Protein backbone atom coordinates (compact mmCIF):
# COMPACT_ATOMS: atom_id res chain seq x y z
CA MET A 1 27.19 3.10 18.11
CA ALA A 2 27.85 6.24 16.08
CA ARG A 3 26.41 6.68 12.65
CA ASP A 4 28.65 7.05 9.65
CA PRO A 5 28.45 10.79 8.78
CA THR A 6 28.99 10.03 5.11
CA ALA A 7 26.09 7.58 4.93
CA ARG A 8 23.17 8.77 2.87
CA ARG A 9 19.75 7.31 2.70
CA GLY A 10 19.07 6.32 -0.87
CA GLY A 11 15.62 5.44 -2.05
CA ASN A 12 13.86 5.01 -5.32
CA GLY A 13 11.35 7.83 -5.68
CA PHE A 14 9.35 5.97 -8.31
CA LEU A 15 8.85 2.92 -6.09
CA TYR A 16 8.02 5.20 -3.17
CA PHE A 17 5.19 6.99 -4.96
CA LEU A 18 4.00 3.83 -6.71
CA GLY A 19 3.81 2.15 -3.30
CA ILE A 20 1.72 5.00 -1.91
CA ILE A 21 -0.69 4.73 -4.82
CA LEU A 22 -0.93 0.95 -4.42
CA VAL A 23 -1.58 1.27 -0.68
CA ALA A 24 -4.50 3.59 -1.43
CA ILE A 25 -5.87 1.23 -4.09
CA PHE A 26 -5.58 -1.88 -1.91
CA VAL A 27 -7.18 -0.20 1.12
CA ALA A 28 -10.04 1.09 -1.03
CA GLY A 29 -10.44 -2.38 -2.56
CA GLY A 30 -10.50 -4.00 0.87
CA ILE A 31 -13.19 -1.63 2.06
CA TYR A 32 -15.14 -2.21 -1.17
CA TYR A 33 -15.14 -5.99 -0.66
CA LEU A 34 -16.44 -5.53 2.89
CA LEU A 35 -19.49 -3.56 1.76
CA PRO A 36 -22.56 -5.73 1.16
CA GLY A 37 -25.04 -4.73 -1.52
CA PHE A 38 -22.52 -4.07 -4.30
CA TYR A 39 -21.41 -6.48 -7.00
CA HIS A 40 -17.90 -7.71 -6.26
CA PRO A 41 -15.93 -9.02 -9.23
CA PHE A 42 -13.82 -12.17 -8.83
CA THR A 43 -16.26 -13.56 -6.21
CA SER A 44 -19.34 -15.77 -6.17
CA ASP A 45 -21.80 -12.86 -6.28
CA THR A 46 -24.72 -13.23 -8.64
CA SER A 47 -26.64 -10.46 -10.32
CA SER A 48 -29.24 -10.39 -7.54
CA GLN A 49 -27.32 -11.43 -4.39
CA HIS A 50 -24.36 -9.42 -3.14
CA TYR A 51 -22.53 -10.24 0.06
CA ALA A 52 -19.52 -8.92 1.96
CA HIS A 53 -16.40 -10.99 1.29
CA ALA A 54 -13.88 -11.19 4.12
CA ILE A 55 -11.19 -13.25 2.38
CA PRO A 56 -10.65 -10.93 -0.63
CA ALA A 57 -10.79 -7.96 1.75
CA ALA A 58 -8.16 -9.53 4.03
CA ILE A 59 -5.92 -10.29 1.04
CA SER A 60 -6.26 -6.69 -0.10
CA PHE A 61 -5.33 -5.37 3.36
CA VAL A 62 -2.31 -7.70 3.55
CA LEU A 63 -1.14 -6.43 0.15
CA ALA A 64 -1.57 -2.87 1.45
CA VAL A 65 0.69 -3.67 4.40
CA LEU A 66 3.30 -5.19 2.07
CA CYS A 67 3.19 -2.03 -0.03
CA LEU A 68 3.73 0.00 3.14
CA VAL A 69 6.91 -1.99 3.72
CA VAL A 70 8.04 -1.13 0.18
CA VAL A 71 7.21 2.53 0.79
CA ARG A 72 9.22 2.56 4.01
CA ALA A 73 12.20 0.85 2.39
CA ASN A 74 12.26 3.21 -0.59
CA ARG A 75 11.74 6.54 1.09
CA PRO A 76 13.94 9.03 -0.77
CA PRO A 77 16.19 11.45 1.09
CA PRO A 78 14.74 14.87 1.90
CA SER A 79 15.37 17.55 -0.70
CA ASP A 80 15.34 20.48 1.72
CA GLY A 81 19.10 20.49 2.29
CA THR A 82 19.02 18.70 5.67
CA THR A 83 20.74 15.56 4.40
CA ILE A 84 24.16 14.88 5.91
CA GLN A 85 26.76 15.01 3.19
């Protein structure tokens, strides 16, 4: 099947870069929740006992994957003149 030569890939640059930032934040948050010895907000940690939390880390990694899907869907066309017009 031949591609339509007039088709252009259109993406939202704002959502693309926002998605990249959110992927970085969610991956960092997932790693943070896996590290024992640090206080983890939104968990059952007390001031003296700090554990690794797999469920919040897994949720954070799943959100990172969803943001990767958004990034892939909103990739803007290249600006180097190689886009088919």
